[in-house]
Amino acid sequence: MDSNLLLGTLLGIAGMLVALYMLLLIWSPEPIVSHQSETLYRSHKSPDKPLPLTRLADPATVDLSVVIPAYNETERLPIMLEQTISHLRSVNEQRSKNASKNNKDSKSSSRTFEILIVDDGSTDHTNNASLELAQSKYSDIDIKVVTMELNQGKGAAVRHGMLYSGGKQLLMVDADGASRFQDLERLWDAMDEITGRDEAGEGVVVGSRAHLVKTEAVVKRSVIRNLLMRSLHTLLLLAGVGHIRDTQCGFKLFSRPAARKLFPHQHLPSWMFDVELLLLAKAQNIPVREVDVQWHEVGGSKLNVVQASLGMLRDLVVIRANMLIGRWGVGKGSGKEKVE
């Protein structure tokens, strides 16, 4: 009788494990696949004939790549671009002045950059609006517009932009302009400290809003948003990234060597891709620094807070479960860009 009970218990446990594994397979996203058209870009110099993008595996072509994932952002993107380009121009102007004072070549002191707008299958023609803006207002700026064939999610758009950027350093920044772009310099300084200004150095610098928790910018947010924010941080502690106070800020800087070790292994196309990247960095001992940045709420968000929170909880479970059983991680299933 005892042996039958034990056998039944073992079969029950085995059945439960099989059911959980099947649920994990159902919840886990399909591998992110790029289409051939997505490896090309349009610009004001070549609006009709798409040109090939620089691959992450190739040598860097500029000092900085600014990767902007955009989904139906015709209203907010122009403001964000103005702030971005204004700062990048002012930095180079100041560098030129300093170089002149020190009798150095002003061109060699400038920070070269490209802006990569990744249209994640928008329905409001964000790609065409971005191209028109580049032609009419920023003809002196290297703005590249990439159009994803399907809407896959912010994580997929960021991953694609990173895999096809030419920067020695690569900045991920949201299209809403919520993060103060001038704080790029704080991230840049932190990266220099991590890598010692060595182009072969690995590092990730995470913009953080954690210092704003008790300020008006966050207190004025809805009770539900703040409750979900605290609940998410508790879950992140359990997931293994509790050392980072703000994993979700859309303002992160990656050195090119670090990006090469992270983005090819990213699986999640949705909101929690940041956590997956941080766990991948932790697994490979890539230094991660968190830096305070200024941030403000911007209207026009397409995020359903409750729905997104449930999705984040599911994604967090999917990340940890897949990493624990060895399906995901460095060298697990991904690691090489798939192009169809």
Protein backbone atom coordinates (compact mmCIF):
# COMPACT_ATOMS: atom_id res chain seq x y z
CA MET A 1 0.00 0.00 0.00
CA ASP A 2 2.83 2.36 0.92
CA SER A 3 4.64 1.60 -2.34
CA ASN A 4 1.48 2.33 -4.34
CA LEU A 5 1.07 5.62 -2.48
CA LEU A 6 4.69 6.55 -3.17
CA LEU A 7 4.35 5.64 -6.84
CA GLY A 8 1.18 7.70 -7.13
CA THR A 9 2.87 10.65 -5.46
CA LEU A 10 5.86 10.43 -7.79
CA LEU A 11 3.60 10.18 -10.83
CA GLY A 12 1.62 13.17 -9.60
CA ILE A 13 4.78 15.24 -9.16
CA ALA A 14 6.06 14.15 -12.56
CA GLY A 15 2.77 15.09 -14.17
CA MET A 16 2.83 18.49 -12.48
CA LEU A 17 6.40 19.14 -13.67
CA VAL A 18 5.48 18.15 -17.21
CA ALA A 19 2.46 20.47 -17.08
CA LEU A 20 4.61 23.34 -15.79
CA TYR A 21 7.18 22.72 -18.51
CA MET A 22 4.48 22.72 -21.17
CA LEU A 23 3.12 25.99 -19.76
CA LEU A 24 6.63 27.46 -19.90
CA LEU A 25 6.92 26.46 -23.55
CA ILE A 26 3.57 28.08 -24.30
CA TRP A 27 4.50 31.29 -22.48
CA SER A 28 8.01 31.52 -23.94
CA PRO A 29 8.21 33.70 -27.06
CA GLU A 30 9.37 32.41 -30.41
CA PRO A 31 12.95 33.30 -31.38
CA ILE A 32 13.24 36.88 -32.60
CA VAL A 33 13.84 36.78 -36.34
CA SER A 34 14.88 39.72 -38.51
CA HIS A 35 13.75 40.10 -42.11
CA GLN A 36 16.12 41.10 -44.87
CA SER A 37 14.36 44.44 -45.35
CA GLU A 38 15.02 45.25 -41.69
CA THR A 39 18.78 45.09 -42.20
CA LEU A 40 18.49 48.20 -44.40
CA TYR A 41 17.80 51.83 -43.59
CA ARG A 42 16.58 54.98 -45.29
CA SER A 43 17.94 58.46 -44.64
CA HIS A 44 17.65 61.97 -46.01
CA LYS A 45 20.60 61.18 -48.26
CA SER A 46 18.96 58.03 -49.58
CA PRO A 47 15.19 58.29 -49.01
CA ASP A 48 14.19 55.88 -51.77
CA LYS A 49 17.07 53.43 -51.98
CA PRO A 50 17.59 51.52 -48.68
CA LEU A 51 21.21 51.07 -47.64
CA PRO A 52 22.77 48.31 -45.50
CA LEU A 53 23.17 48.90 -41.78
CA THR A 54 26.39 48.32 -39.86
CA ARG A 55 26.30 45.04 -37.96
CA LEU A 56 27.25 44.85 -34.29
CA ALA A 57 29.89 42.25 -35.12
CA ASP A 58 31.61 44.72 -37.46
CA PRO A 59 34.10 47.40 -36.31
CA ALA A 60 32.59 50.62 -34.95
CA THR A 61 32.01 53.47 -37.38
CA VAL A 62 31.06 56.28 -34.95
CA ASP A 63 31.56 57.14 -31.30
CA LEU A 64 27.89 56.89 -30.34
CA SER A 65 24.76 55.20 -31.65
CA VAL A 66 21.44 56.47 -30.28
CA VAL A 67 18.84 53.72 -30.66
CA ILE A 68 15.22 54.88 -30.43
CA PRO A 69 12.46 52.24 -30.49
CA ALA A 70 9.30 53.87 -31.83
CA TYR A 71 5.73 52.67 -32.13
CA ASN A 72 3.15 55.22 -33.30
CA GLU A 73 5.32 58.14 -32.16
CA THR A 74 4.59 60.83 -34.75
CA GLU A 75 3.53 63.25 -31.99
CA ARG A 76 6.19 62.70 -29.32
CA LEU A 77 9.25 61.79 -31.40
CA PRO A 78 9.83 65.27 -32.93
CA ILE A 79 10.13 66.84 -29.46
CA MET A 80 12.44 64.09 -28.26
CA LEU A 81 14.62 64.38 -31.37
CA GLU A 82 14.94 68.13 -30.92
CA GLN A 83 16.18 67.67 -27.35
CA THR A 84 18.55 64.88 -28.39
CA ILE A 85 20.13 66.66 -31.33
CA SER A 86 20.33 69.97 -29.50
CA HIS A 87 22.39 68.35 -26.75
CA LEU A 88 24.65 66.40 -29.11
CA ARG A 89 25.33 69.56 -31.10
CA SER A 90 26.08 71.59 -27.98
CA VAL A 91 28.54 68.96 -26.74
CA ASN A 92 30.45 69.08 -30.02
CA GLU A 93 30.41 72.87 -30.05
CA GLN A 94 31.90 72.93 -26.57
CA ARG A 95 34.49 70.33 -27.51
CA SER A 96 35.47 72.40 -30.56
CA LYS A 97 35.92 75.51 -28.40
CA ASN A 98 38.07 73.60 -25.93
CA ALA A 99 40.13 72.14 -28.75
CA SER A 100 40.72 75.60 -30.25
CA LYS A 101 41.91 76.92 -26.90
CA ASN A 102 44.35 74.03 -26.65
CA ASN A 103 45.45 74.34 -30.31
CA LYS A 104 44.02 70.93 -31.20
CA ASP A 105 42.08 69.76 -34.25
CA SER A 106 38.42 70.59 -33.55
CA LYS A 107 37.15 67.86 -35.89
CA SER A 108 39.05 65.09 -34.12
CA SER A 109 37.70 66.28 -30.78
CA SER A 110 34.05 66.06 -31.89
CA ARG A 111 31.91 63.11 -30.82
CA THR A 112 30.67 61.40 -33.98
CA PHE A 113 27.20 59.91 -33.72
CA GLU A 114 24.31 58.34 -35.55
CA ILE A 115 20.63 58.21 -34.61
CA LEU A 116 18.82 54.99 -35.41
CA ILE A 117 15.02 55.17 -35.28
CA VAL A 118 13.53 51.68 -35.25
CA ASP A 119 9.87 51.83 -36.27
CA ASP A 120 8.28 48.80 -34.63
CA GLY A 121 5.55 48.23 -37.21
CA SER A 122 3.73 51.51 -36.54
CA THR A 123 0.33 52.21 -38.09
CA ASP A 124 0.70 56.01 -38.09
CA HIS A 125 3.63 56.15 -40.55
CA THR A 126 6.22 56.97 -37.88
CA ASN A 127 8.91 55.87 -40.34
CA ASN A 128 7.88 58.32 -43.08
CA ALA A 129 7.35 61.13 -40.57
CA SER A 130 10.84 60.54 -39.17
CA LEU A 131 12.35 60.62 -42.63
CA GLU A 132 10.54 63.85 -43.51
CA LEU A 133 11.78 65.39 -40.27
CA ALA A 134 15.35 64.34 -41.04
CA GLN A 135 15.11 65.86 -44.52
CA SER A 136 13.49 69.14 -43.53
CA LYS A 137 15.14 69.94 -40.20
CA TYR A 138 18.22 67.77 -39.62
CA SER A 139 19.90 67.35 -42.98
CA ASP A 140 23.31 67.64 -41.29
CA ILE A 141 22.58 64.78 -38.87
CA ASP A 142 23.08 61.07 -39.58
CA ILE A 143 19.54 59.83 -38.92
CA LYS A 144 18.77 56.29 -40.07
CA VAL A 145 15.19 55.02 -40.22
CA VAL A 146 14.56 51.28 -40.01
CA THR A 147 11.11 49.79 -40.45
CA MET A 148 10.21 46.48 -38.80
CA GLU A 149 7.80 44.45 -40.89
CA LEU A 150 5.70 43.49 -37.86
CA ASN A 151 5.05 45.00 -34.44
CA GLN A 152 6.99 42.71 -32.09
CA GLY A 153 7.48 44.87 -29.01
CA LYS A 154 9.90 47.38 -27.54
CA GLY A 155 12.43 44.71 -26.62
CA ALA A 156 12.61 43.40 -30.17
CA ALA A 157 12.98 46.92 -31.57
CA VAL A 158 15.81 47.77 -29.15
CA ARG A 159 17.55 44.46 -29.83
CA HIS A 160 17.38 45.00 -33.57
CA GLY A 161 18.70 48.55 -33.30
CA MET A 162 21.60 47.41 -31.17
CA LEU A 163 22.48 44.53 -33.49
CA TYR A 164 22.67 46.98 -36.39
CA SER A 165 24.44 49.98 -34.87
CA GLY A 166 27.92 51.31 -35.52
CA GLY A 167 28.71 53.06 -32.23
CA LYS A 168 31.62 52.45 -29.90
CA GLN A 169 28.97 53.12 -27.29
CA LEU A 170 25.28 52.42 -27.80
CA LEU A 171 22.52 54.33 -26.07
CA MET A 172 18.99 53.00 -25.74
CA VAL A 173 16.51 55.83 -25.19
CA ASP A 174 12.71 55.99 -25.26
CA ALA A 175 10.94 58.04 -27.92
CA ASP A 176 8.78 59.92 -25.39
CA GLY A 177 11.64 62.12 -24.15
CA ALA A 178 10.83 61.39 -20.51
CA SER A 179 14.51 61.05 -19.56
CA ARG A 180 16.59 64.24 -19.69
CA PHE A 181 18.96 63.62 -22.59
CA GLN A 182 21.68 65.85 -21.11
CA ASP A 183 22.20 63.12 -18.53
CA LEU A 184 23.92 61.12 -21.25
CA GLU A 185 27.09 62.82 -20.00
CA ARG A 186 26.60 61.28 -16.56
CA LEU A 187 26.26 57.84 -18.16
CA TRP A 188 29.26 58.52 -20.40
CA ASP A 189 31.47 59.48 -17.44
CA ALA A 190 30.41 56.36 -15.57
CA MET A 191 31.23 54.22 -18.62
CA ASP A 192 34.68 55.81 -18.83
CA GLU A 193 35.24 54.87 -15.18
CA ILE A 194 34.15 51.27 -15.80
CA THR A 195 36.17 50.71 -18.98
CA GLY A 196 39.06 53.06 -18.34
CA ARG A 197 38.26 54.53 -21.79
CA ASP A 198 39.43 51.26 -23.31
CA GLU A 199 37.42 50.51 -26.46
CA ALA A 200 37.73 46.80 -25.64
CA GLY A 201 36.24 47.33 -22.19
CA GLU A 202 32.88 45.88 -21.25
CA GLY A 203 30.30 47.89 -19.36
CA VAL A 204 26.63 48.77 -18.94
CA VAL A 205 25.39 52.00 -17.39
CA VAL A 206 21.76 52.12 -16.32
CA GLY A 207 19.87 55.37 -15.95
CA SER A 208 17.93 55.32 -12.70
CA ARG A 209 14.82 57.12 -11.43
CA ALA A 210 15.04 55.51 -8.00
CA HIS A 211 16.13 58.77 -6.37
CA LEU A 212 12.82 60.32 -7.51
CA VAL A 213 10.61 57.90 -5.55
CA LYS A 214 9.64 60.48 -2.93
CA THR A 215 9.64 63.47 -5.26
CA GLU A 216 6.66 65.16 -6.88
CA ALA A 217 7.44 63.52 -10.24
CA VAL A 218 6.57 60.09 -8.84
CA VAL A 219 4.22 60.94 -5.98
CA LYS A 220 1.80 62.49 -8.48
CA ARG A 221 1.55 59.23 -10.39
CA SER A 222 -1.52 57.11 -9.75
CA VAL A 223 -1.71 54.93 -6.64
CA ILE A 224 -1.96 51.84 -8.85
CA ARG A 225 1.22 52.75 -10.76
CA ASN A 226 3.21 53.31 -7.58
CA LEU A 227 1.88 50.11 -5.96
CA LEU A 228 2.78 48.08 -9.02
CA MET A 229 6.22 49.72 -9.12
CA ARG A 230 6.95 48.62 -5.53
CA SER A 231 5.58 45.13 -6.19
CA LEU A 232 7.78 44.80 -9.26
CA HIS A 233 10.89 45.77 -7.31
CA THR A 234 10.11 43.06 -4.74
CA LEU A 235 9.83 40.47 -7.51
CA LEU A 236 13.09 41.67 -9.04
CA LEU A 237 14.82 41.08 -5.71
CA LEU A 238 13.66 37.46 -5.90
CA ALA A 239 14.70 37.23 -9.56
CA GLY A 240 18.30 38.20 -8.84
CA VAL A 241 18.53 41.80 -10.02
CA GLY A 242 17.63 43.52 -6.77
CA HIS A 243 21.05 45.22 -6.80
CA ILE A 244 19.65 47.47 -9.56
CA ARG A 245 17.05 49.83 -8.09
CA ASP A 246 15.49 50.78 -11.43
CA THR A 247 15.66 48.15 -14.14
CA GLN A 248 12.98 49.66 -16.38
CA CYS A 249 14.26 53.15 -17.12
CA GLY A 250 14.50 53.57 -20.90
CA PHE A 251 17.92 55.21 -20.77
CA LYS A 252 20.82 52.74 -20.87
CA LEU A 253 24.34 52.89 -22.28
CA PHE A 254 26.29 49.85 -23.50
CA SER A 255 29.89 49.55 -24.60
CA ARG A 256 30.18 47.78 -27.95
CA PRO A 257 31.98 44.73 -26.49
CA ALA A 258 29.26 44.39 -23.83
CA ALA A 259 26.48 44.73 -26.41
CA ARG A 260 28.05 41.94 -28.43
CA LYS A 261 27.79 39.64 -25.41
CA LEU A 262 24.23 40.61 -24.52
CA PHE A 263 21.88 41.39 -27.38
CA PRO A 264 22.49 38.28 -29.51
CA HIS A 265 21.33 36.22 -26.51
CA GLN A 266 18.19 38.26 -25.79
CA HIS A 267 14.92 36.34 -26.22
CA LEU A 268 12.20 38.63 -24.85
CA PRO A 269 10.63 41.06 -27.33
CA SER A 270 8.47 42.70 -24.65
CA TRP A 271 8.82 45.07 -21.69
CA MET A 272 10.94 42.89 -19.38
CA PHE A 273 13.81 42.55 -21.83
CA ASP A 274 15.80 44.95 -19.59
CA VAL A 275 15.78 42.36 -16.81
CA GLU A 276 16.92 39.62 -19.17
CA LEU A 277 19.83 41.80 -20.31
CA LEU A 278 20.84 42.58 -16.72
CA LEU A 279 20.74 38.88 -15.81
CA LEU A 280 22.86 38.08 -18.87
CA ALA A 281 25.34 40.77 -17.80
CA LYS A 282 25.43 39.34 -14.27
CA ALA A 283 26.03 35.81 -15.60
CA GLN A 284 29.01 37.04 -17.65
CA ASN A 285 30.45 39.34 -14.96
CA ILE A 286 29.95 42.42 -17.13
CA PRO A 287 30.16 45.50 -14.86
CA VAL A 288 26.87 47.37 -14.44
CA ARG A 289 26.69 50.86 -12.95
CA GLU A 290 23.47 52.66 -11.96
CA VAL A 291 23.43 56.44 -12.40
CA ASP A 292 20.71 58.88 -11.30
CA VAL A 293 18.96 60.69 -14.15
CA GLN A 294 16.22 63.29 -14.28
CA TRP A 295 12.87 62.10 -15.54
CA HIS A 296 9.34 63.42 -15.96
CA GLU A 297 5.98 61.92 -16.86
CA VAL A 298 5.03 62.38 -20.51
CA GLY A 299 1.48 62.09 -21.78
CA GLY A 300 0.49 59.85 -24.66
CA SER A 301 1.68 56.56 -23.19
CA LYS A 302 0.23 53.48 -24.88
CA LEU A 303 0.82 51.36 -21.80
CA ASN A 304 -2.12 49.71 -20.06
CA VAL A 305 -0.70 49.59 -16.54
CA VAL A 306 -2.60 46.57 -15.20
CA GLN A 307 -2.29 44.54 -18.40
CA ALA A 308 1.41 45.41 -18.74
CA SER A 309 2.06 44.48 -15.10
CA LEU A 310 0.51 41.05 -15.56
CA GLY A 311 2.61 40.62 -18.69
CA MET A 312 5.74 41.67 -16.81
CA LEU A 313 5.02 39.12 -14.07
CA ARG A 314 4.60 36.38 -16.68
CA ASP A 315 7.78 37.46 -18.48
CA LEU A 316 9.75 37.52 -15.24
CA VAL A 317 8.68 33.92 -14.53
CA VAL A 318 9.57 32.95 -18.11
CA ILE A 319 13.05 34.52 -17.85
CA ARG A 320 14.00 32.90 -14.58
CA ALA A 321 12.50 29.51 -15.39
CA ASN A 322 14.19 29.30 -18.79
CA MET A 323 17.54 30.35 -17.32
CA LEU A 324 17.26 27.95 -14.40
CA ILE A 325 16.62 24.93 -16.62
CA GLY A 326 19.23 26.02 -19.18
CA ARG A 327 16.98 26.84 -22.15
CA TRP A 328 18.05 30.49 -22.12
CA GLY A 329 21.32 32.16 -21.30
CA VAL A 330 24.70 32.64 -22.91
CA GLY A 331 25.10 30.17 -25.74
CA LYS A 332 21.58 28.78 -25.25
CA GLY A 333 19.51 28.70 -28.43
CA SER A 334 20.24 32.29 -29.44
CA GLY A 335 23.51 34.09 -29.92
CA LYS A 336 23.42 34.51 -33.66
CA GLU A 337 21.19 36.90 -35.56
CA LYS A 338 18.56 35.07 -37.60
CA VAL A 339 17.62 36.79 -40.85
CA GLU A 340 14.91 35.61 -43.22
